[in-house]
Structures are given as structure tokens and as C-alpha cells.
Amino acid sequence: YRSLPGRLAEKLVAMDKAGASNEALGEAMGGLRGLRVGMLEGNADEGYIALGTGIGSIRSVKSVAEVVDALTVS
């Protein structure tokens, strides 16, 4: 699984390990609602925040100001 830890993500992992069907997992995810709640609203307990393989490439976290400053040509 590639998601940030949270209550819903942990529940989904437990359900999968217990042999839950894809339909049951989909229902627990709340369809796209779970994705919206997690990724757009930032609530990792009631939703889930999916991550791709690129997450392994992140080596530092910068503020928006730092990124803009780095991109600004003087």
C-alpha cells in the first residue's frame, strides 16, 4: 500500500490481511469520498492519502517561499 498512515488506511490494511473482498474494501474506502476527504481536505483519519512510487524520491520538504526563491531568476 502506498498511502500516508491514518485510521482509515490502517483499517483497510487490516481488512485486506483478514481476506476482505475488493467490494468490502471499496465500500470501506467510501468510493471517491475517501480520496477527497484525505487528499483534498487533509483528513487522513476519515479519508486516505494515496501516494505513488515517486514518493521515494523526496529527500527534503521545502516551503513554497523557498521553492519560489529557488526558481526566481535575478
PDB file of N, CA and C in Angstrom:
ATOM      1  N   TYR A   1       0.833  -1.179   0.000  1.00  0.00           N
ATOM      2  CA  TYR A   1       0.000   0.000   0.000  1.00  0.00           C
ATOM      3  C   TYR A   1       0.872   1.234   0.000  1.00  0.00           C
ATOM      4  N   ARG A   2       0.488   2.213  -0.761  1.00  0.00           N
ATOM      5  CA  ARG A   2       1.204   3.478  -0.765  1.00  0.00           C
ATOM      6  C   ARG A   2       0.228   4.561  -0.351  1.00  0.00           C
ATOM      7  N   SER A   3       0.171   4.786   0.931  1.00  0.00           N
ATOM      8  CA  SER A   3      -0.657   5.859   1.458  1.00  0.00           C
ATOM      9  C   SER A   3      -0.050   6.329   2.765  1.00  0.00           C
ATOM     10  N   LEU A   4      -0.402   7.547   3.133  1.00  0.00           N
ATOM     11  CA  LEU A   4       0.042   8.034   4.432  1.00  0.00           C
ATOM     12  C   LEU A   4      -0.704   7.282   5.518  1.00  0.00           C
ATOM     13  N   PRO A   5      -0.067   7.065   6.656  1.00  0.00           N
ATOM     14  CA  PRO A   5      -0.753   6.383   7.752  1.00  0.00           C
ATOM     15  C   PRO A   5      -1.936   7.205   8.253  1.00  0.00           C
ATOM     16  N   GLY A   6      -2.946   6.537   8.661  1.00  0.00           N
ATOM     17  CA  GLY A   6      -4.144   7.168   9.205  1.00  0.00           C
ATOM     18  C   GLY A   6      -5.107   6.081   9.624  1.00  0.00           C
ATOM     19  N   ARG A   7      -6.144   6.474  10.317  1.00  0.00           N
ATOM     20  CA  ARG A   7      -7.095   5.496  10.831  1.00  0.00           C
ATOM     21  C   ARG A   7      -7.720   4.666   9.709  1.00  0.00           C
ATOM     22  N   LEU A   8      -8.180   5.327   8.641  1.00  0.00           N
ATOM     23  CA  LEU A   8      -8.824   4.589   7.549  1.00  0.00           C
ATOM     24  C   LEU A   8      -7.818   3.687   6.835  1.00  0.00           C
ATOM     25  N   ALA A   9      -6.618   4.182   6.574  1.00  0.00           N
ATOM     26  CA  ALA A   9      -5.600   3.361   5.903  1.00  0.00           C
ATOM     27  C   ALA A   9      -5.282   2.117   6.727  1.00  0.00           C
ATOM     28  N   GLU A  10      -5.154   2.281   8.027  1.00  0.00           N
ATOM     29  CA  GLU A  10      -4.869   1.137   8.902  1.00  0.00           C
ATOM     30  C   GLU A  10      -6.020   0.141   8.898  1.00  0.00           C
ATOM     31  N   LYS A  11      -7.246   0.650   8.870  1.00  0.00           N
ATOM     32  CA  LYS A  11      -8.422  -0.226   8.816  1.00  0.00           C
ATOM     33  C   LYS A  11      -8.427  -1.020   7.509  1.00  0.00           C
ATOM     34  N   LEU A  12      -8.105  -0.352   6.402  1.00  0.00           N
ATOM     35  CA  LEU A  12      -8.095  -1.025   5.106  1.00  0.00           C
ATOM     36  C   LEU A  12      -7.030  -2.117   5.051  1.00  0.00           C
ATOM     37  N   VAL A  13      -5.856  -1.854   5.601  1.00  0.00           N
ATOM     38  CA  VAL A  13      -4.794  -2.865   5.637  1.00  0.00           C
ATOM     39  C   VAL A  13      -5.246  -4.065   6.458  1.00  0.00           C
ATOM     40  N   ALA A  14      -5.849  -3.804   7.612  1.00  0.00           N
ATOM     41  CA  ALA A  14      -6.325  -4.897   8.470  1.00  0.00           C
ATOM     42  C   ALA A  14      -7.399  -5.716   7.759  1.00  0.00           C
ATOM     43  N   MET A  15      -8.316  -5.029   7.074  1.00  0.00           N
ATOM     44  CA  MET A  15      -9.365  -5.740   6.338  1.00  0.00           C
ATOM     45  C   MET A  15      -8.762  -6.617   5.248  1.00  0.00           C
ATOM     46  N   ASP A  16      -7.779  -6.076   4.519  1.00  0.00           N
ATOM     47  CA  ASP A  16      -7.145  -6.827   3.441  1.00  0.00           C
ATOM     48  C   ASP A  16      -6.428  -8.056   3.983  1.00  0.00           C
ATOM     49  N   LYS A  17      -5.695  -7.889   5.072  1.00  0.00           N
ATOM     50  CA  LYS A  17      -4.984  -9.017   5.681  1.00  0.00           C
ATOM     51  C   LYS A  17      -5.947 -10.084   6.180  1.00  0.00           C
ATOM     52  N   ALA A  18      -7.165  -9.658   6.560  1.00  0.00           N
ATOM     53  CA  ALA A  18      -8.175 -10.602   7.034  1.00  0.00           C
ATOM     54  C   ALA A  18      -8.920 -11.267   5.880  1.00  0.00           C
ATOM     55  N   GLY A  19      -8.582 -10.880   4.631  1.00  0.00           N
ATOM     56  CA  GLY A  19      -9.194 -11.514   3.475  1.00  0.00           C
ATOM     57  C   GLY A  19     -10.462 -10.864   2.970  1.00  0.00           C
ATOM     58  N   ALA A  20     -10.671  -9.596   3.287  1.00  0.00           N
ATOM     59  CA  ALA A  20     -11.873  -8.893   2.824  1.00  0.00           C
ATOM     60  C   ALA A  20     -11.902  -8.845   1.296  1.00  0.00           C
ATOM     61  N   SER A  21     -13.095  -8.864   0.745  1.00  0.00           N
ATOM     62  CA  SER A  21     -13.255  -8.804  -0.705  1.00  0.00           C
ATOM     63  C   SER A  21     -12.957  -7.389  -1.206  1.00  0.00           C
ATOM     64  N   ASN A  22     -12.704  -7.284  -2.505  1.00  0.00           N
ATOM     65  CA  ASN A  22     -12.489  -5.965  -3.102  1.00  0.00           C
ATOM     66  C   ASN A  22     -13.708  -5.077  -2.920  1.00  0.00           C
ATOM     67  N   GLU A  23     -14.886  -5.679  -2.974  1.00  0.00           N
ATOM     68  CA  GLU A  23     -16.115  -4.913  -2.792  1.00  0.00           C
ATOM     69  C   GLU A  23     -16.187  -4.338  -1.381  1.00  0.00           C
ATOM     70  N   ALA A  24     -15.830  -5.154  -0.388  1.00  0.00           N
ATOM     71  CA  ALA A  24     -15.849  -4.688   1.004  1.00  0.00           C
ATOM     72  C   ALA A  24     -14.817  -3.590   1.222  1.00  0.00           C
ATOM     73  N   LEU A  25     -13.641  -3.752   0.619  1.00  0.00           N
ATOM     74  CA  LEU A  25     -12.611  -2.722   0.730  1.00  0.00           C
ATOM     75  C   LEU A  25     -13.074  -1.425   0.077  1.00  0.00           C
ATOM     76  N   GLY A  26     -13.674  -1.541  -1.100  1.00  0.00           N
ATOM     77  CA  GLY A  26     -14.183  -0.357  -1.794  1.00  0.00           C
ATOM     78  C   GLY A  26     -15.247   0.360  -0.994  1.00  0.00           C
ATOM     79  N   GLU A  27     -16.110  -0.411  -0.351  1.00  0.00           N
ATOM     80  CA  GLU A  27     -17.156   0.188   0.481  1.00  0.00           C
ATOM     81  C   GLU A  27     -16.541   0.903   1.685  1.00  0.00           C
ATOM     82  N   ALA A  28     -15.549   0.284   2.310  1.00  0.00           N
ATOM     83  CA  ALA A  28     -14.889   0.902   3.466  1.00  0.00           C
ATOM     84  C   ALA A  28     -14.145   2.171   3.061  1.00  0.00           C
ATOM     85  N   MET A  29     -13.634   2.190   1.831  1.00  0.00           N
ATOM     86  CA  MET A  29     -12.927   3.373   1.337  1.00  0.00           C
ATOM     87  C   MET A  29     -13.890   4.532   1.100  1.00  0.00           C
ATOM     88  N   GLY A  30     -15.151   4.219   0.962  1.00  0.00           N
ATOM     89  CA  GLY A  30     -16.127   5.273   0.696  1.00  0.00           C
ATOM     90  C   GLY A  30     -16.083   5.755  -0.738  1.00  0.00           C
ATOM     91  N   GLY A  31     -15.616   4.897  -1.642  1.00  0.00           N
ATOM     92  CA  GLY A  31     -15.506   5.305  -3.039  1.00  0.00           C
ATOM     93  C   GLY A  31     -14.549   6.480  -3.166  1.00  0.00           C
ATOM     94  N   LEU A  32     -14.893   7.416  -4.001  1.00  0.00           N
ATOM     95  CA  LEU A  32     -14.034   8.587  -4.177  1.00  0.00           C
ATOM     96  C   LEU A  32     -14.128   9.556  -3.011  1.00  0.00           C
ATOM     97  N   ARG A  33     -15.140   9.395  -2.157  1.00  0.00           N
ATOM     98  CA  ARG A  33     -15.272  10.271  -0.993  1.00  0.00           C
ATOM     99  C   ARG A  33     -14.039  10.158  -0.103  1.00  0.00           C
ATOM    100  N   GLY A  34     -13.570   8.929   0.129  1.00  0.00           N
ATOM    101  CA  GLY A  34     -12.398   8.718   0.974  1.00  0.00           C
ATOM    102  C   GLY A  34     -11.162   9.394   0.416  1.00  0.00           C
ATOM    103  N   LEU A  35     -11.029   9.369  -0.896  1.00  0.00           N
ATOM    104  CA  LEU A  35      -9.908  10.027  -1.548  1.00  0.00           C
ATOM    105  C   LEU A  35     -10.023  11.544  -1.411  1.00  0.00           C
ATOM    106  N   ARG A  36     -11.231  12.068  -1.614  1.00  0.00           N
ATOM    107  CA  ARG A  36     -11.453  13.516  -1.496  1.00  0.00           C
ATOM    108  C   ARG A  36     -11.179  13.994  -0.084  1.00  0.00           C
ATOM    109  N   VAL A  37     -11.719  13.274   0.896  1.00  0.00           N
ATOM    110  CA  VAL A  37     -11.546  13.662   2.300  1.00  0.00           C
ATOM    111  C   VAL A  37     -10.070  13.642   2.678  1.00  0.00           C
ATOM    112  N   GLY A  38      -9.346  12.639   2.224  1.00  0.00           N
ATOM    113  CA  GLY A  38      -7.931  12.541   2.564  1.00  0.00           C
ATOM    114  C   GLY A  38      -7.058  13.520   1.814  1.00  0.00           C
ATOM    115  N   MET A  39      -7.155  13.506   0.494  1.00  0.00           N
ATOM    116  CA  MET A  39      -6.218  14.285  -0.309  1.00  0.00           C
ATOM    117  C   MET A  39      -6.585  15.756  -0.419  1.00  0.00           C
ATOM    118  N   LEU A  40      -7.854  16.076  -0.514  1.00  0.00           N
ATOM    119  CA  LEU A  40      -8.237  17.482  -0.673  1.00  0.00           C
ATOM    120  C   LEU A  40      -8.494  18.178   0.651  1.00  0.00           C
ATOM    121  N   GLU A  41      -9.042  17.445   1.611  1.00  0.00           N
ATOM    122  CA  GLU A  41      -9.342  18.051   2.907  1.00  0.00           C
ATOM    123  C   GLU A  41      -8.238  17.797   3.927  1.00  0.00           C
ATOM    124  N   GLY A  42      -7.312  16.891   3.621  1.00  0.00           N
ATOM    125  CA  GLY A  42      -6.192  16.614   4.513  1.00  0.00           C
ATOM    126  C   GLY A  42      -6.534  15.799   5.744  1.00  0.00           C
ATOM    127  N   ASN A  43      -7.668  15.118   5.725  1.00  0.00           N
ATOM    128  CA  ASN A  43      -8.099  14.325   6.872  1.00  0.00           C
ATOM    129  C   ASN A  43      -7.727  12.858   6.636  1.00  0.00           C
ATOM    130  N   ALA A  44      -6.575  12.441   7.191  1.00  0.00           N
ATOM    131  CA  ALA A  44      -6.087  11.076   6.976  1.00  0.00           C
ATOM    132  C   ALA A  44      -6.763  10.067   7.890  1.00  0.00           C
ATOM    133  N   ASP A  45      -7.610  10.525   8.800  1.00  0.00           N
ATOM    134  CA  ASP A  45      -8.317   9.588   9.667  1.00  0.00           C
ATOM    135  C   ASP A  45      -9.620   9.114   9.039  1.00  0.00           C
ATOM    136  N   GLU A  46     -10.325  10.003   8.347  1.00  0.00           N
ATOM    137  CA  GLU A  46     -11.597   9.628   7.727  1.00  0.00           C
ATOM    138  C   GLU A  46     -11.458   9.386   6.233  1.00  0.00           C
ATOM    139  N   GLY A  47     -10.322   9.726   5.676  1.00  0.00           N
ATOM    140  CA  GLY A  47     -10.049   9.515   4.263  1.00  0.00           C
ATOM    141  C   GLY A  47      -8.673   8.898   4.117  1.00  0.00           C
ATOM    142  N   TYR A  48      -8.215   8.777   2.891  1.00  0.00           N
ATOM    143  CA  TYR A  48      -6.883   8.230   2.673  1.00  0.00           C
ATOM    144  C   TYR A  48      -6.132   9.108   1.685  1.00  0.00           C
ATOM    145  N   ILE A  49      -4.818   9.133   1.851  1.00  0.00           N
ATOM    146  CA  ILE A  49      -3.958   9.953   1.013  1.00  0.00           C
ATOM    147  C   ILE A  49      -3.054   9.003   0.235  1.00  0.00           C
ATOM    148  N   ALA A  50      -3.412   8.793  -1.020  1.00  0.00           N
ATOM    149  CA  ALA A  50      -2.679   7.856  -1.868  1.00  0.00           C
ATOM    150  C   ALA A  50      -1.369   8.480  -2.334  1.00  0.00           C
ATOM    151  N   LEU A  51      -0.338   7.651  -2.421  1.00  0.00           N
ATOM    152  CA  LEU A  51       0.977   8.095  -2.865  1.00  0.00           C
ATOM    153  C   LEU A  51       1.443   7.204  -4.001  1.00  0.00           C
ATOM    154  N   GLY A  52       2.237   7.747  -4.883  1.00  0.00           N
ATOM    155  CA  GLY A  52       2.793   6.968  -5.979  1.00  0.00           C
ATOM    156  C   GLY A  52       4.229   6.570  -5.686  1.00  0.00           C
ATOM    157  N   THR A  53       4.844   5.904  -6.643  1.00  0.00           N
ATOM    158  CA  THR A  53       6.221   5.444  -6.459  1.00  0.00           C
ATOM    159  C   THR A  53       7.204   6.597  -6.344  1.00  0.00           C
ATOM    160  N   GLY A  54       6.846   7.768  -6.850  1.00  0.00           N
ATOM    161  CA  GLY A  54       7.719   8.935  -6.774  1.00  0.00           C
ATOM    162  C   GLY A  54       7.969   9.414  -5.361  1.00  0.00           C
ATOM    163  N   ILE A  55       7.148   8.976  -4.409  1.00  0.00           N
ATOM    164  CA  ILE A  55       7.309   9.412  -3.024  1.00  0.00           C
ATOM    165  C   ILE A  55       8.689   9.034  -2.490  1.00  0.00           C
ATOM    166  N   GLY A  56       9.267   7.969  -3.018  1.00  0.00           N
ATOM    167  CA  GLY A  56      10.587   7.542  -2.569  1.00  0.00           C
ATOM    168  C   GLY A  56      11.708   8.469  -3.011  1.00  0.00           C
ATOM    169  N   SER A  57      11.416   9.359  -3.950  1.00  0.00           N
ATOM    170  CA  SER A  57      12.427  10.292  -4.450  1.00  0.00           C
ATOM    171  C   SER A  57      12.530  11.560  -3.615  1.00  0.00           C
ATOM    172  N   ILE A  58      11.593  11.784  -2.730  1.00  0.00           N
ATOM    173  CA  ILE A  58      11.589  13.009  -1.927  1.00  0.00           C
ATOM    174  C   ILE A  58      12.686  12.919  -0.877  1.00  0.00           C
ATOM    175  N   ARG A  59      13.556  13.899  -0.866  1.00  0.00           N
ATOM    176  CA  ARG A  59      14.664  13.933   0.085  1.00  0.00           C
ATOM    177  C   ARG A  59      14.552  15.089   1.074  1.00  0.00           C
ATOM    178  N   SER A  60      13.725  16.094   0.759  1.00  0.00           N
ATOM    179  CA  SER A  60      13.542  17.222   1.674  1.00  0.00           C
ATOM    180  C   SER A  60      12.184  17.853   1.414  1.00  0.00           C
ATOM    181  N   VAL A  61      11.713  18.591   2.396  1.00  0.00           N
ATOM    182  CA  VAL A  61      10.446  19.306   2.277  1.00  0.00           C
ATOM    183  C   VAL A  61      10.762  20.787   2.394  1.00  0.00           C
ATOM    184  N   LYS A  62      10.339  21.551   1.389  1.00  0.00           N
ATOM    185  CA  LYS A  62      10.607  22.984   1.371  1.00  0.00           C
ATOM    186  C   LYS A  62       9.297  23.753   1.419  1.00  0.00           C
ATOM    187  N   SER A  63       9.377  24.953   1.935  1.00  0.00           N
ATOM    188  CA  SER A  63       8.204  25.824   1.937  1.00  0.00           C
ATOM    189  C   SER A  63       7.993  26.359   0.522  1.00  0.00           C
ATOM    190  N   VAL A  64       6.811  26.872   0.265  1.00  0.00           N
ATOM    191  CA  VAL A  64       6.520  27.467  -1.041  1.00  0.00           C
ATOM    192  C   VAL A  64       7.479  28.619  -1.307  1.00  0.00           C
ATOM    193  N   ALA A  65       7.736  29.434  -0.291  1.00  0.00           N
ATOM    194  CA  ALA A  65       8.642  30.575  -0.449  1.00  0.00           C
ATOM    195  C   ALA A  65      10.032  30.115  -0.887  1.00  0.00           C
ATOM    196  N   GLU A  66      10.522  29.018  -0.311  1.00  0.00           N
ATOM    197  CA  GLU A  66      11.843  28.503  -0.690  1.00  0.00           C
ATOM    198  C   GLU A  66      11.860  28.033  -2.141  1.00  0.00           C
ATOM    199  N   VAL A  67      10.791  27.379  -2.576  1.00  0.00           N
ATOM    200  CA  VAL A  67      10.716  26.901  -3.956  1.00  0.00           C
ATOM    201  C   VAL A  67      10.661  28.082  -4.912  1.00  0.00           C
ATOM    202  N   VAL A  68       9.823  29.075  -4.608  1.00  0.00           N
ATOM    203  CA  VAL A  68       9.706  30.258  -5.469  1.00  0.00           C
ATOM    204  C   VAL A  68      11.040  30.992  -5.531  1.00  0.00           C
ATOM    205  N   ASP A  69      11.694  31.159  -4.392  1.00  0.00           N
ATOM    206  CA  ASP A  69      13.003  31.819  -4.370  1.00  0.00           C
ATOM    207  C   ASP A  69      14.009  31.066  -5.238  1.00  0.00           C
ATOM    208  N   ALA A  70      13.984  29.746  -5.180  1.00  0.00           N
ATOM    209  CA  ALA A  70      14.918  28.942  -5.967  1.00  0.00           C
ATOM    210  C   ALA A  70      14.638  29.050  -7.463  1.00  0.00           C
ATOM    211  N   LEU A  71      13.383  29.276  -7.831  1.00  0.00           N
ATOM    212  CA  LEU A  71      13.009  29.368  -9.240  1.00  0.00           C
ATOM    213  C   LEU A  71      13.132  30.776  -9.806  1.00  0.00           C
ATOM    214  N   THR A  72      13.239  31.759  -8.930  1.00  0.00           N
ATOM    215  CA  THR A  72      13.296  33.154  -9.360  1.00  0.00           C
ATOM    216  C   THR A  72      14.676  33.461  -9.925  1.00  0.00           C
ATOM    217  N   VAL A  73      14.667  33.985 -11.132  1.00  0.00           N
ATOM    218  CA  VAL A  73      15.927  34.371 -11.773  1.00  0.00           C
ATOM    219  C   VAL A  73      16.180  35.834 -11.463  1.00  0.00           C
ATOM    220  N   SER A  74      17.342  36.113 -10.898  1.00  0.00           N
ATOM    221  CA  SER A  74      17.688  37.501 -10.554  1.00  0.00           C
ATOM    222  C   SER A  74      18.319  38.210 -11.709  1.00  0.00           C
TER     223      SER A  74
END
